[in-house]
Amino acid sequence: MRRLIHVTLHHASDSDCLYRLQPTAAVAGVPRKIAKNFLQQNEPICRGWYAGSAGYLSLNQSEFVVSLRCAHINYDHLRLYAGAGIVKDSDPQQEWLEVENKAAGLQTLLNREIFCCES
């Protein structure tokens, strides 16, 4: 899916633009404020890096995509994140399977020797 948004920037601010664009409807739901409040009160886990933006911002042109797969490296720990867009007719079991498959795809890209060193 692709959504084009055309705006005139009065001043470029990466953080302000990303704050206004995220989370997308596929990540949190709509209407945004109600959906975010619902998730904060009812979701049993902390999403952490569940989804975010990848892209660039400039005065002439900007482009962002939603990243539903990512990894966070903190010293010697690697944490993988994967997500799925939930819509009205989503099947929870199929969505969970999709998330597991996305995470498994990330895992296959990793070479254990790179991240684990023997002394």
Foldseek 3Di string as FASTA:
>chain_A
DDDDDDDQDPDDDPVVVQVVCPPDCQVQHPPRVVSVVCCVVPPPDDQVPQKGWDWDDDNVDTDIDIDRWDWDDDPLDIDIHHAGGDDDPDDVVVRVVVRVVRRVVVVVPDDVCVRDPDD
